[in-house]
Structure formats: C-alpha cells, structure tokens
C-alpha cells in the first residue's frame, strides 16, 4: 500500500489499514523503518489499539454499505498526541 510507505518516510508511528471487503482492521506499528502487525480485528468487534488504547472503536461503524452510497475508509495514519 503506497500510503504505508509514505507514512514510514514521515515517521508516522502507527497505521490502521482497513479492508472493508474482508471486514478487517490491522493495527500496525513502525519499528526500525518496517511495519509490524500488532493485531488484526474483524467483524463487529469493539476494539482498542495503540496509540489510542483508551478509546473503544466499534468496527461496525467502519463497514459502510455501498448501497447507501457511503465510502469506506482505506487507511489511517495516526500520531499520538504531542508527537
């Protein structure tokens, strides 16, 4: 994914790539210039992940229904507050 290479160059510490067709969200951490998968979440889970471990995310809110004309997010580059 092109965005992950860009995030790595910019030293974004975490990314959450989303695959709406598979219904998965991966939690990635940048470690020595390489992405490491910390976790994979799927379906209708309620999850917490770095760098926002204090916040719950309901995955069902990410799985848009194309019939509704909604677009699904592709990936998020995340920086913890103050970085």
C-alpha atoms as a PDB file:
ATOM      1  CA  UNK A   1       0.000   0.000   0.000  1.00  0.00           C
ATOM      2  CA  UNK A   2       1.507   3.317  -1.108  1.00  0.00           C
ATOM      3  CA  UNK A   3       0.256   5.174   1.927  1.00  0.00           C
ATOM      4  CA  UNK A   4       2.211   2.945   4.306  1.00  0.00           C
ATOM      5  CA  UNK A   5       5.474   3.790   2.528  1.00  0.00           C
ATOM      6  CA  UNK A   6       4.635   7.489   2.821  1.00  0.00           C
ATOM      7  CA  UNK A   7       3.736   7.118   6.498  1.00  0.00           C
ATOM      8  CA  UNK A   8       7.044   5.310   7.138  1.00  0.00           C
ATOM      9  CA  UNK A   9       9.046   8.076   5.421  1.00  0.00           C
ATOM     10  CA  UNK A  10       7.216  10.663   7.541  1.00  0.00           C
ATOM     11  CA  UNK A  11       7.831   8.522  10.670  1.00  0.00           C
ATOM     12  CA  UNK A  12       4.159   8.080  11.489  1.00  0.00           C
ATOM     13  CA  UNK A  13       4.326   5.557  14.326  1.00  0.00           C
ATOM     14  CA  UNK A  14       1.012   3.721  13.809  1.00  0.00           C
ATOM     15  CA  UNK A  15      -1.354   2.906  10.963  1.00  0.00           C
ATOM     16  CA  UNK A  16      -4.668   1.111  10.839  1.00  0.00           C
ATOM     17  CA  UNK A  17      -5.223  -0.275   7.325  1.00  0.00           C
ATOM     18  CA  UNK A  18      -8.831  -1.258   6.754  1.00  0.00           C
ATOM     19  CA  UNK A  19     -10.109  -3.859   4.306  1.00  0.00           C
ATOM     20  CA  UNK A  20     -13.855  -3.225   4.063  1.00  0.00           C
ATOM     21  CA  UNK A  21     -14.433  -6.221   1.792  1.00  0.00           C
ATOM     22  CA  UNK A  22     -12.806  -8.606   4.284  1.00  0.00           C
ATOM     23  CA  UNK A  23     -14.178  -6.648   7.245  1.00  0.00           C
ATOM     24  CA  UNK A  24     -10.757  -6.367   8.903  1.00  0.00           C
ATOM     25  CA  UNK A  25      -8.672  -3.668  10.522  1.00  0.00           C
ATOM     26  CA  UNK A  26      -4.966  -4.241  11.164  1.00  0.00           C
ATOM     27  CA  UNK A  27      -3.028  -2.343  13.810  1.00  0.00           C
ATOM     28  CA  UNK A  28       0.483  -1.632  12.558  1.00  0.00           C
ATOM     29  CA  UNK A  29       3.467  -0.123  14.362  1.00  0.00           C
ATOM     30  CA  UNK A  30       6.547   1.318  12.673  1.00  0.00           C
ATOM     31  CA  UNK A  31       9.639  -0.398  14.095  1.00  0.00           C
ATOM     32  CA  UNK A  32      13.053   0.362  12.624  1.00  0.00           C
ATOM     33  CA  UNK A  33      11.504   1.544   9.367  1.00  0.00           C
ATOM     34  CA  UNK A  34       9.433  -1.644   8.967  1.00  0.00           C
ATOM     35  CA  UNK A  35       5.750  -2.148   9.716  1.00  0.00           C
ATOM     36  CA  UNK A  36       4.897  -4.766  12.339  1.00  0.00           C
ATOM     37  CA  UNK A  37       1.358  -6.126  12.691  1.00  0.00           C
ATOM     38  CA  UNK A  38       0.345  -5.773  16.338  1.00  0.00           C
ATOM     39  CA  UNK A  39      -3.215  -7.052  15.921  1.00  0.00           C
ATOM     40  CA  UNK A  40      -5.922  -7.860  13.421  1.00  0.00           C
ATOM     41  CA  UNK A  41      -9.534  -7.107  14.301  1.00  0.00           C
ATOM     42  CA  UNK A  42     -12.581  -8.232  12.361  1.00  0.00           C
ATOM     43  CA  UNK A  43     -16.328  -8.223  12.109  1.00  0.00           C
ATOM     44  CA  UNK A  44     -18.327  -6.408  14.732  1.00  0.00           C
ATOM     45  CA  UNK A  45     -15.671  -6.316  17.442  1.00  0.00           C
ATOM     46  CA  UNK A  46     -15.258  -3.412  19.792  1.00  0.00           C
ATOM     47  CA  UNK A  47     -11.518  -2.829  19.885  1.00  0.00           C
ATOM     48  CA  UNK A  48      -8.829  -0.698  21.482  1.00  0.00           C
ATOM     49  CA  UNK A  49      -5.431  -0.149  19.897  1.00  0.00           C
ATOM     50  CA  UNK A  50      -2.280   1.930  20.066  1.00  0.00           C
ATOM     51  CA  UNK A  51      -1.892   4.863  20.150  1.00  0.00           C
ATOM     52  CA  UNK A  52      -5.470   5.377  21.339  1.00  0.00           C
ATOM     53  CA  UNK A  53      -5.766   2.377  23.688  1.00  0.00           C
ATOM     54  CA  UNK A  54      -8.017   4.390  25.997  1.00  0.00           C
ATOM     55  CA  UNK A  55     -10.700   4.724  23.325  1.00  0.00           C
ATOM     56  CA  UNK A  56     -13.057   1.978  22.159  1.00  0.00           C
ATOM     57  CA  UNK A  57     -13.803   1.703  18.451  1.00  0.00           C
ATOM     58  CA  UNK A  58     -16.844  -0.202  17.228  1.00  0.00           C
ATOM     59  CA  UNK A  59     -15.765  -1.792  13.958  1.00  0.00           C
ATOM     60  CA  UNK A  60     -19.300  -1.935  12.603  1.00  0.00           C
ATOM     61  CA  UNK A  61     -19.108   1.851  12.254  1.00  0.00           C
ATOM     62  CA  UNK A  62     -16.362   1.339   9.620  1.00  0.00           C
ATOM     63  CA  UNK A  63     -18.199  -1.091   7.374  1.00  0.00           C
ATOM     64  CA  UNK A  64     -20.234   1.187   5.158  1.00  0.00           C
ATOM     65  CA  UNK A  65     -22.927  -0.286   2.970  1.00  0.00           C
ATOM     66  CA  UNK A  66     -22.183   0.569  -0.685  1.00  0.00           C
ATOM     67  CA  UNK A  67     -25.940   0.522  -1.319  1.00  0.00           C
ATOM     68  CA  UNK A  68     -26.135   3.555   0.967  1.00  0.00           C
ATOM     69  CA  UNK A  69     -23.635   5.385  -1.220  1.00  0.00           C
ATOM     70  CA  UNK A  70     -21.152   5.601   1.665  1.00  0.00           C
ATOM     71  CA  UNK A  71     -17.450   5.261   1.100  1.00  0.00           C
ATOM     72  CA  UNK A  72     -15.314   3.057   3.314  1.00  0.00           C
ATOM     73  CA  UNK A  73     -12.098   4.420   4.791  1.00  0.00           C
ATOM     74  CA  UNK A  74      -8.905   2.923   3.353  1.00  0.00           C
ATOM     75  CA  UNK A  75      -6.233   3.613   5.959  1.00  0.00           C
ATOM     76  CA  UNK A  76      -5.479   5.947   8.790  1.00  0.00           C
ATOM     77  CA  UNK A  77      -2.032   7.275   9.638  1.00  0.00           C
ATOM     78  CA  UNK A  78      -2.097   8.001  13.337  1.00  0.00           C
ATOM     79  CA  UNK A  79       0.172  10.031  15.558  1.00  0.00           C
ATOM     80  CA  UNK A  80      -0.247  10.076  19.322  1.00  0.00           C
ATOM     81  CA  UNK A  81      -0.967  13.486  20.831  1.00  0.00           C
ATOM     82  CA  UNK A  82       2.164  15.610  21.197  1.00  0.00           C
ATOM     83  CA  UNK A  83       4.254  13.758  18.609  1.00  0.00           C
END
